[in-house]
Amino acid sequence: MQDIIEQFERHFDIVPANDEHLILRCQELRYQIFCREQHIFDEHAMEDYLEVDEYDQRSVHALLRYKRTAEFAATVRIILPDKQAIKSIYPLDKHVSLFSTHDRQIINNIPRKHLAEISRFSVSKHFRRRVGEKNLLHGINKHFGKELNESTHRRFDAYITLGLFKAIVKMSDLHGIDNWLAFMEPGLIRLLRRVGIVFHRVGPVIDYCGFRHACYANASDVLEGIKKVKPEIWAFITECGRYGLKPQAVADLSV
């Protein structure tokens, strides 16, 4: 555990984007990644070199900053429930017509008051360093999980991913979130399972910023799973239980 903490804190800061200036930095980095690097969105359709959408106003955002250069390496946001219209949809909701009746029922049973969608989880190409990672938004390779047990201070991919996940957990805790939706690349789902981060797939693979699975998870269940498989990672992500294990409304996922 200490090695993970020391290596991450030696190289990176988690920066909550809690003012307009930092939110702009998130949107600039997203423009760089999604428009310039990955060509997922048309860069000419974006104004002021920012990647912005209708969900930003009801989201909280975070950045990872590389200490050596003060460069922002990665970003993520969680889309929160709309307190003025609790039944407002999330990006994943737009695709539920493709799900089976069983899967639609699972998604509909998740309490909206404590639900967020993990979104724009992405890493700049400058930190997707090795061959085979440059086309992956999450920036991690097939050795993720295994390399956490090695002395690999130059292999930033695992630390960036865990840093972003730590940011997600902290933002979720601060906003009373205990259920998550997400679109994930199939490979990322498998890789995260290696460290106990388990999301449940629903529906078919969908072309959404690339081919991805719609997923859901209960945050407390995810963190308990990490604690069982990799307790040192759980301690890092939750700051030894400070964040992420407060009981909230939990969906009945037994349907």
C-alpha atoms as a PDB file:
ATOM      1  CA  MET A   1       0.000   0.000   0.000  1.00  0.00           C
ATOM      2  CA  GLN A   2       2.695   2.461   0.989  1.00  0.00           C
ATOM      3  CA  ASP A   3       4.427   2.030  -2.355  1.00  0.00           C
ATOM      4  CA  ILE A   4       1.224   2.842  -4.247  1.00  0.00           C
ATOM      5  CA  ILE A   5       0.599   5.946  -2.151  1.00  0.00           C
ATOM      6  CA  GLU A   6       4.205   7.126  -2.334  1.00  0.00           C
ATOM      7  CA  GLN A   7       4.469   6.625  -6.090  1.00  0.00           C
ATOM      8  CA  PHE A   8       1.175   8.360  -6.820  1.00  0.00           C
ATOM      9  CA  GLU A   9       1.826  11.273  -4.495  1.00  0.00           C
ATOM     10  CA  ARG A  10       5.354  11.662  -5.836  1.00  0.00           C
ATOM     11  CA  HIS A  11       4.079  12.201  -9.358  1.00  0.00           C
ATOM     12  CA  PHE A  12       0.443  13.366  -9.222  1.00  0.00           C
ATOM     13  CA  ASP A  13      -2.119  15.559  -7.482  1.00  0.00           C
ATOM     14  CA  ILE A  14      -5.880  15.059  -7.592  1.00  0.00           C
ATOM     15  CA  VAL A  15      -7.367  18.471  -8.329  1.00  0.00           C
ATOM     16  CA  PRO A  16     -11.114  18.962  -7.729  1.00  0.00           C
ATOM     17  CA  ALA A  17     -12.431  21.215 -10.505  1.00  0.00           C
ATOM     18  CA  ASN A  18     -14.377  23.348  -8.086  1.00  0.00           C
ATOM     19  CA  ASP A  19     -14.314  26.667  -9.911  1.00  0.00           C
ATOM     20  CA  GLU A  20     -14.966  27.942 -13.421  1.00  0.00           C
ATOM     21  CA  HIS A  21     -11.274  28.137 -14.317  1.00  0.00           C
ATOM     22  CA  LEU A  22     -10.625  24.480 -13.456  1.00  0.00           C
ATOM     23  CA  ILE A  23     -13.787  23.300 -15.212  1.00  0.00           C
ATOM     24  CA  LEU A  24     -12.455  25.026 -18.331  1.00  0.00           C
ATOM     25  CA  ARG A  25      -9.202  23.065 -17.901  1.00  0.00           C
ATOM     26  CA  CYS A  26     -11.269  19.852 -17.851  1.00  0.00           C
ATOM     27  CA  GLN A  27     -13.085  20.870 -21.018  1.00  0.00           C
ATOM     28  CA  GLU A  28      -9.829  21.857 -22.724  1.00  0.00           C
ATOM     29  CA  LEU A  29      -8.270  18.506 -21.886  1.00  0.00           C
ATOM     30  CA  ARG A  30     -11.368  16.683 -23.095  1.00  0.00           C
ATOM     31  CA  TYR A  31     -11.184  18.635 -26.358  1.00  0.00           C
ATOM     32  CA  GLN A  32      -7.551  17.590 -26.747  1.00  0.00           C
ATOM     33  CA  ILE A  33      -8.313  13.924 -26.048  1.00  0.00           C
ATOM     34  CA  PHE A  34     -11.722  13.406 -27.664  1.00  0.00           C
ATOM     35  CA  CYS A  35     -11.351  15.757 -30.639  1.00  0.00           C
ATOM     36  CA  ARG A  36      -7.657  16.096 -31.459  1.00  0.00           C
ATOM     37  CA  GLU A  37      -6.257  12.754 -30.315  1.00  0.00           C
ATOM     38  CA  GLN A  38      -9.108  10.255 -30.643  1.00  0.00           C
ATOM     39  CA  HIS A  39     -11.255  12.055 -33.274  1.00  0.00           C
ATOM     40  CA  ILE A  40     -14.408  10.875 -31.520  1.00  0.00           C
ATOM     41  CA  PHE A  41     -16.027  14.310 -31.754  1.00  0.00           C
ATOM     42  CA  ASP A  42     -15.731  16.824 -34.571  1.00  0.00           C
ATOM     43  CA  GLU A  43     -13.303  19.459 -33.361  1.00  0.00           C
ATOM     44  CA  HIS A  44     -14.844  22.019 -35.730  1.00  0.00           C
ATOM     45  CA  ALA A  45     -18.192  21.614 -33.982  1.00  0.00           C
ATOM     46  CA  MET A  46     -16.700  22.734 -30.671  1.00  0.00           C
ATOM     47  CA  GLU A  47     -16.320  26.376 -29.696  1.00  0.00           C
ATOM     48  CA  ASP A  48     -13.254  27.898 -28.052  1.00  0.00           C
ATOM     49  CA  TYR A  49     -11.349  24.582 -28.143  1.00  0.00           C
ATOM     50  CA  LEU A  50     -13.567  23.174 -25.400  1.00  0.00           C
ATOM     51  CA  GLU A  51     -15.484  19.882 -25.345  1.00  0.00           C
ATOM     52  CA  VAL A  52     -18.764  20.783 -23.657  1.00  0.00           C
ATOM     53  CA  ASP A  53     -22.142  19.075 -23.436  1.00  0.00           C
ATOM     54  CA  GLU A  54     -25.476  19.484 -21.710  1.00  0.00           C
ATOM     55  CA  TYR A  55     -24.440  17.341 -18.745  1.00  0.00           C
ATOM     56  CA  ASP A  56     -21.579  19.549 -17.575  1.00  0.00           C
ATOM     57  CA  GLN A  57     -23.934  21.808 -15.625  1.00  0.00           C
ATOM     58  CA  ARG A  58     -25.074  18.931 -13.391  1.00  0.00           C
ATOM     59  CA  SER A  59     -21.650  17.313 -13.063  1.00  0.00           C
ATOM     60  CA  VAL A  60     -18.689  17.507 -10.732  1.00  0.00           C
ATOM     61  CA  HIS A  61     -15.259  17.222 -12.294  1.00  0.00           C
ATOM     62  CA  ALA A  62     -11.704  16.309 -11.311  1.00  0.00           C
ATOM     63  CA  LEU A  63      -8.248  16.472 -12.863  1.00  0.00           C
ATOM     64  CA  LEU A  64      -4.965  14.688 -12.294  1.00  0.00           C
ATOM     65  CA  ARG A  65      -1.964  17.002 -12.402  1.00  0.00           C
ATOM     66  CA  TYR A  66       1.561  15.781 -13.105  1.00  0.00           C
ATOM     67  CA  LYS A  67       3.702  17.497 -10.479  1.00  0.00           C
ATOM     68  CA  ARG A  68       6.908  17.641 -12.497  1.00  0.00           C
ATOM     69  CA  THR A  69       5.462  19.864 -15.205  1.00  0.00           C
ATOM     70  CA  ALA A  70       2.119  20.996 -13.688  1.00  0.00           C
ATOM     71  CA  GLU A  71       0.515  19.447 -16.796  1.00  0.00           C
ATOM     72  CA  PHE A  72      -2.988  18.013 -16.473  1.00  0.00           C
ATOM     73  CA  ALA A  73      -2.739  14.333 -17.365  1.00  0.00           C
ATOM     74  CA  ALA A  74      -6.302  13.054 -17.032  1.00  0.00           C
ATOM     75  CA  THR A  75      -9.840  14.015 -16.193  1.00  0.00           C
ATOM     76  CA  VAL A  76     -13.144  12.491 -15.132  1.00  0.00           C
ATOM     77  CA  ARG A  77     -16.584  13.723 -14.151  1.00  0.00           C
ATOM     78  CA  ILE A  78     -19.648  12.247 -12.504  1.00  0.00           C
ATOM     79  CA  ILE A  79     -23.062  13.349 -13.730  1.00  0.00           C
ATOM     80  CA  LEU A  80     -25.268  13.961 -10.699  1.00  0.00           C
ATOM     81  CA  PRO A  81     -29.027  13.625 -10.308  1.00  0.00           C
ATOM     82  CA  ASP A  82     -30.897  16.780 -11.168  1.00  0.00           C
ATOM     83  CA  LYS A  83     -32.355  17.928  -7.840  1.00  0.00           C
ATOM     84  CA  GLN A  84     -35.001  19.987  -9.632  1.00  0.00           C
ATOM     85  CA  ALA A  85     -36.086  17.026 -11.783  1.00  0.00           C
ATOM     86  CA  ILE A  86     -34.968  13.812 -10.114  1.00  0.00           C
ATOM     87  CA  LYS A  87     -36.136  11.674 -13.049  1.00  0.00           C
ATOM     88  CA  SER A  88     -33.932  13.519 -15.530  1.00  0.00           C
ATOM     89  CA  ILE A  89     -32.116  11.089 -17.771  1.00  0.00           C
ATOM     90  CA  TYR A  90     -28.435  10.175 -17.972  1.00  0.00           C
ATOM     91  CA  PRO A  91     -26.532   9.411 -21.179  1.00  0.00           C
ATOM     92  CA  LEU A  92     -26.926   5.679 -20.534  1.00  0.00           C
ATOM     93  CA  ASP A  93     -30.727   6.052 -20.349  1.00  0.00           C
ATOM     94  CA  LYS A  94     -30.792   7.000 -24.033  1.00  0.00           C
ATOM     95  CA  HIS A  95     -29.772   3.448 -24.936  1.00  0.00           C
ATOM     96  CA  VAL A  96     -32.016   1.355 -22.684  1.00  0.00           C
ATOM     97  CA  SER A  97     -34.285   0.503 -25.620  1.00  0.00           C
ATOM     98  CA  LEU A  98     -31.474  -1.818 -26.748  1.00  0.00           C
ATOM     99  CA  PHE A  99     -31.507  -3.721 -23.447  1.00  0.00           C
ATOM    100  CA  SER A 100     -33.488  -6.800 -22.546  1.00  0.00           C
ATOM    101  CA  THR A 101     -36.544  -6.364 -20.344  1.00  0.00           C
ATOM    102  CA  HIS A 102     -34.536  -7.784 -17.448  1.00  0.00           C
ATOM    103  CA  ASP A 103     -31.683  -5.312 -17.941  1.00  0.00           C
ATOM    104  CA  ARG A 104     -34.049  -2.352 -18.331  1.00  0.00           C
ATOM    105  CA  GLN A 105     -35.691  -3.320 -15.054  1.00  0.00           C
ATOM    106  CA  ILE A 106     -32.323  -3.408 -13.295  1.00  0.00           C
ATOM    107  CA  ILE A 107     -31.459   0.110 -14.485  1.00  0.00           C
ATOM    108  CA  ASN A 108     -34.940   1.435 -13.653  1.00  0.00           C
ATOM    109  CA  ASN A 109     -34.727  -0.009 -10.120  1.00  0.00           C
ATOM    110  CA  ILE A 110     -31.625   1.992  -9.198  1.00  0.00           C
ATOM    111  CA  PRO A 111     -32.713   4.879  -6.910  1.00  0.00           C
ATOM    112  CA  ARG A 112     -32.157   8.100  -8.838  1.00  0.00           C
ATOM    113  CA  LYS A 113     -31.570  10.196  -5.736  1.00  0.00           C
ATOM    114  CA  HIS A 114     -28.210   8.490  -5.141  1.00  0.00           C
ATOM    115  CA  LEU A 115     -27.261   7.730  -8.751  1.00  0.00           C
ATOM    116  CA  ALA A 116     -24.461   9.241 -10.853  1.00  0.00           C
ATOM    117  CA  GLU A 117     -22.976   8.370 -14.209  1.00  0.00           C
ATOM    118  CA  ILE A 118     -19.186   8.168 -14.493  1.00  0.00           C
ATOM    119  CA  SER A 119     -18.235  10.028 -17.636  1.00  0.00           C
ATOM    120  CA  ARG A 120     -15.306  11.405 -19.670  1.00  0.00           C
ATOM    121  CA  PHE A 121     -12.826   9.092 -17.897  1.00  0.00           C
ATOM    122  CA  SER A 122      -9.807   9.821 -20.068  1.00  0.00           C
ATOM    123  CA  VAL A 123      -6.027  10.162 -20.127  1.00  0.00           C
ATOM    124  CA  SER A 124      -3.909  12.415 -22.340  1.00  0.00           C
ATOM    125  CA  LYS A 125      -1.830  10.576 -24.929  1.00  0.00           C
ATOM    126  CA  HIS A 126       1.333  11.984 -23.355  1.00  0.00           C
ATOM    127  CA  PHE A 127       0.683   9.645 -20.436  1.00  0.00           C
ATOM    128  CA  ARG A 128      -0.432   6.651 -22.506  1.00  0.00           C
ATOM    129  CA  ARG A 129       3.189   5.776 -22.946  1.00  0.00           C
ATOM    130  CA  ARG A 130       3.595   2.234 -24.194  1.00  0.00           C
ATOM    131  CA  VAL A 131       2.702   0.648 -27.522  1.00  0.00           C
ATOM    132  CA  GLY A 132      -0.874  -0.604 -27.473  1.00  0.00           C
ATOM    133  CA  GLU A 133      -2.141   2.026 -25.031  1.00  0.00           C
ATOM    134  CA  LYS A 134      -2.236   5.085 -27.248  1.00  0.00           C
ATOM    135  CA  ASN A 135      -5.720   4.330 -28.595  1.00  0.00           C
ATOM    136  CA  LEU A 136      -7.246   3.570 -25.211  1.00  0.00           C
ATOM    137  CA  LEU A 137      -8.949   6.468 -23.472  1.00  0.00           C
ATOM    138  CA  HIS A 138      -8.377   4.901 -20.072  1.00  0.00           C
ATOM    139  CA  GLY A 139      -4.681   4.470 -20.867  1.00  0.00           C
ATOM    140  CA  ILE A 140      -4.036   1.149 -19.091  1.00  0.00           C
ATOM    141  CA  ASN A 141      -2.691  -2.086 -20.485  1.00  0.00           C
ATOM    142  CA  LYS A 142      -3.208  -5.802 -19.982  1.00  0.00           C
ATOM    143  CA  HIS A 143      -0.670  -5.898 -17.146  1.00  0.00           C
ATOM    144  CA  PHE A 144      -2.790  -3.626 -14.944  1.00  0.00           C
ATOM    145  CA  GLY A 145      -3.116  -5.139 -11.484  1.00  0.00           C
ATOM    146  CA  LYS A 146      -0.005  -7.287 -11.837  1.00  0.00           C
ATOM    147  CA  GLU A 147       2.287  -4.282 -12.086  1.00  0.00           C
ATOM    148  CA  LEU A 148       0.951  -2.899  -8.804  1.00  0.00           C
ATOM    149  CA  ASN A 149       2.924  -5.638  -7.078  1.00  0.00           C
ATOM    150  CA  GLU A 150       6.169  -4.632  -8.790  1.00  0.00           C
ATOM    151  CA  SER A 151       8.571  -1.725  -8.422  1.00  0.00           C
ATOM    152  CA  THR A 152       7.383   0.215 -11.464  1.00  0.00           C
ATOM    153  CA  HIS A 153       7.656   3.897 -10.631  1.00  0.00           C
ATOM    154  CA  ARG A 154       7.820   4.815 -14.326  1.00  0.00           C
ATOM    155  CA  ARG A 155       4.681   2.919 -15.248  1.00  0.00           C
ATOM    156  CA  PHE A 156       2.142   5.657 -14.679  1.00  0.00           C
ATOM    157  CA  ASP A 157      -0.896   3.934 -16.169  1.00  0.00           C
ATOM    158  CA  ALA A 158      -1.956   2.077 -13.031  1.00  0.00           C
ATOM    159  CA  TYR A 159      -1.458   5.110 -10.809  1.00  0.00           C
ATOM    160  CA  ILE A 160      -3.425   7.389 -13.143  1.00  0.00           C
ATOM    161  CA  THR A 161      -6.328   4.955 -13.298  1.00  0.00           C
ATOM    162  CA  LEU A 162      -6.419   4.467  -9.545  1.00  0.00           C
ATOM    163  CA  GLY A 163      -6.064   8.216  -9.031  1.00  0.00           C
ATOM    164  CA  LEU A 164      -9.084   8.889 -11.232  1.00  0.00           C
ATOM    165  CA  PHE A 165     -11.044   6.205  -9.416  1.00  0.00           C
ATOM    166  CA  LYS A 166     -10.081   7.750  -6.085  1.00  0.00           C
ATOM    167  CA  ALA A 167     -11.418  11.082  -7.390  1.00  0.00           C
ATOM    168  CA  ILE A 168     -14.681   9.367  -8.383  1.00  0.00           C
ATOM    169  CA  VAL A 169     -15.073   7.836  -4.934  1.00  0.00           C
ATOM    170  CA  LYS A 170     -14.416  11.132  -3.154  1.00  0.00           C
ATOM    171  CA  MET A 171     -16.782  13.114  -5.410  1.00  0.00           C
ATOM    172  CA  SER A 172     -19.454  10.436  -4.957  1.00  0.00           C
ATOM    173  CA  ASP A 173     -19.075  10.452  -1.194  1.00  0.00           C
ATOM    174  CA  LEU A 174     -19.315  14.232  -0.980  1.00  0.00           C
ATOM    175  CA  HIS A 175     -22.511  14.254  -3.067  1.00  0.00           C
ATOM    176  CA  GLY A 176     -24.299  11.301  -1.449  1.00  0.00           C
ATOM    177  CA  ILE A 177     -23.830   8.951  -4.417  1.00  0.00           C
ATOM    178  CA  ASP A 178     -23.837   5.205  -3.892  1.00  0.00           C
ATOM    179  CA  ASN A 179     -24.835   3.878  -7.308  1.00  0.00           C
ATOM    180  CA  TRP A 180     -22.984   4.331 -10.581  1.00  0.00           C
ATOM    181  CA  LEU A 181     -23.722   4.031 -14.266  1.00  0.00           C
ATOM    182  CA  ALA A 182     -20.924   4.010 -16.838  1.00  0.00           C
ATOM    183  CA  PHE A 183     -20.001   3.128 -20.396  1.00  0.00           C
ATOM    184  CA  MET A 184     -16.813   1.047 -20.410  1.00  0.00           C
ATOM    185  CA  GLU A 185     -14.642  -0.606 -23.004  1.00  0.00           C
ATOM    186  CA  PRO A 186     -14.947  -4.402 -22.603  1.00  0.00           C
ATOM    187  CA  GLY A 187     -11.223  -4.709 -21.985  1.00  0.00           C
ATOM    188  CA  LEU A 188     -11.331  -2.107 -19.221  1.00  0.00           C
ATOM    189  CA  ILE A 189     -14.101  -4.014 -17.423  1.00  0.00           C
ATOM    190  CA  ARG A 190     -11.924  -7.134 -17.385  1.00  0.00           C
ATOM    191  CA  LEU A 191      -8.809  -5.273 -16.290  1.00  0.00           C
ATOM    192  CA  LEU A 192     -10.522  -3.481 -13.420  1.00  0.00           C
ATOM    193  CA  ARG A 193     -11.752  -6.809 -12.072  1.00  0.00           C
ATOM    194  CA  ARG A 194      -8.147  -7.724 -11.368  1.00  0.00           C
ATOM    195  CA  VAL A 195      -8.091  -5.245  -8.512  1.00  0.00           C
ATOM    196  CA  GLY A 196     -11.652  -5.952  -7.361  1.00  0.00           C
ATOM    197  CA  ILE A 197     -13.352  -3.062  -9.195  1.00  0.00           C
ATOM    198  CA  VAL A 198     -16.414  -4.911 -10.463  1.00  0.00           C
ATOM    199  CA  PHE A 199     -19.043  -3.322 -12.713  1.00  0.00           C
ATOM    200  CA  HIS A 200     -21.973  -5.325 -14.066  1.00  0.00           C
ATOM    201  CA  ARG A 201     -22.644  -5.241 -17.800  1.00  0.00           C
ATOM    202  CA  VAL A 202     -26.113  -4.703 -19.241  1.00  0.00           C
ATOM    203  CA  GLY A 203     -27.249  -4.866 -22.824  1.00  0.00           C
ATOM    204  CA  PRO A 204     -25.088  -5.353 -25.916  1.00  0.00           C
ATOM    205  CA  VAL A 205     -21.876  -3.561 -26.845  1.00  0.00           C
ATOM    206  CA  ILE A 206     -22.858  -0.041 -28.002  1.00  0.00           C
ATOM    207  CA  ASP A 207     -21.013   2.428 -30.196  1.00  0.00           C
ATOM    208  CA  TYR A 208     -20.725   5.242 -27.657  1.00  0.00           C
ATOM    209  CA  CYS A 209     -17.408   7.107 -27.920  1.00  0.00           C
ATOM    210  CA  GLY A 210     -16.115   3.798 -29.260  1.00  0.00           C
ATOM    211  CA  PHE A 211     -17.511   0.321 -28.635  1.00  0.00           C
ATOM    212  CA  ARG A 212     -18.499   0.021 -24.989  1.00  0.00           C
ATOM    213  CA  HIS A 213     -20.728  -1.840 -22.575  1.00  0.00           C
ATOM    214  CA  ALA A 214     -23.301  -0.088 -20.457  1.00  0.00           C
ATOM    215  CA  CYS A 215     -22.547  -0.923 -16.813  1.00  0.00           C
ATOM    216  CA  TYR A 216     -23.856  -0.322 -13.331  1.00  0.00           C
ATOM    217  CA  ALA A 217     -22.472  -0.845  -9.840  1.00  0.00           C
ATOM    218  CA  ASN A 218     -23.241  -0.111  -6.238  1.00  0.00           C
ATOM    219  CA  ALA A 219     -20.343   1.972  -4.921  1.00  0.00           C
ATOM    220  CA  SER A 220     -20.252   0.350  -1.492  1.00  0.00           C
ATOM    221  CA  ASP A 221     -20.220  -3.113  -3.059  1.00  0.00           C
ATOM    222  CA  VAL A 222     -17.371  -2.096  -5.367  1.00  0.00           C
ATOM    223  CA  LEU A 223     -15.285  -0.796  -2.477  1.00  0.00           C
ATOM    224  CA  GLU A 224     -15.956  -3.882  -0.377  1.00  0.00           C
ATOM    225  CA  GLY A 225     -14.816  -5.968  -3.346  1.00  0.00           C
ATOM    226  CA  ILE A 226     -11.582  -3.996  -3.630  1.00  0.00           C
ATOM    227  CA  LYS A 227     -11.016  -4.377   0.105  1.00  0.00           C
ATOM    228  CA  LYS A 228     -11.239  -8.161  -0.197  1.00  0.00           C
ATOM    229  CA  VAL A 229      -9.004  -8.478  -3.275  1.00  0.00           C
ATOM    230  CA  LYS A 230      -6.524  -5.622  -2.813  1.00  0.00           C
ATOM    231  CA  PRO A 231      -6.835  -4.100   0.675  1.00  0.00           C
ATOM    232  CA  GLU A 232      -3.871  -1.805   0.071  1.00  0.00           C
ATOM    233  CA  ILE A 233      -5.630  -0.308  -2.967  1.00  0.00           C
ATOM    234  CA  TRP A 234      -8.848   0.053  -0.960  1.00  0.00           C
ATOM    235  CA  ALA A 235      -6.905   1.983   1.680  1.00  0.00           C
ATOM    236  CA  PHE A 236      -5.457   4.291  -0.978  1.00  0.00           C
ATOM    237  CA  ILE A 237      -8.756   4.924  -2.780  1.00  0.00           C
ATOM    238  CA  THR A 238     -10.843   5.482   0.359  1.00  0.00           C
ATOM    239  CA  GLU A 239      -8.084   7.063   2.489  1.00  0.00           C
ATOM    240  CA  CYS A 240      -8.401   4.133   4.892  1.00  0.00           C
ATOM    241  CA  GLY A 241     -12.204   4.299   4.918  1.00  0.00           C
ATOM    242  CA  ARG A 242     -12.591   8.057   5.147  1.00  0.00           C
ATOM    243  CA  TYR A 243     -14.542   8.152   1.873  1.00  0.00           C
ATOM    244  CA  GLY A 244     -16.982   5.898   0.136  1.00  0.00           C
ATOM    245  CA  LEU A 245     -18.477   3.482   2.661  1.00  0.00           C
ATOM    246  CA  LYS A 246     -21.332   5.513   4.105  1.00  0.00           C
ATOM    247  CA  PRO A 247     -24.590   3.593   3.557  1.00  0.00           C
ATOM    248  CA  GLN A 248     -26.937   5.136   1.032  1.00  0.00           C
ATOM    249  CA  ALA A 249     -29.978   3.835  -0.810  1.00  0.00           C
ATOM    250  CA  VAL A 250     -28.997   0.605  -2.533  1.00  0.00           C
ATOM    251  CA  ALA A 251     -30.791  -0.679  -5.594  1.00  0.00           C
ATOM    252  CA  ASP A 252     -32.612  -4.018  -5.491  1.00  0.00           C
ATOM    253  CA  LEU A 253     -30.624  -5.727  -8.244  1.00  0.00           C
ATOM    254  CA  SER A 254     -32.113  -9.172  -7.688  1.00  0.00           C
ATOM    255  CA  VAL A 255     -34.705  -8.856 -10.446  1.00  0.00           C
END
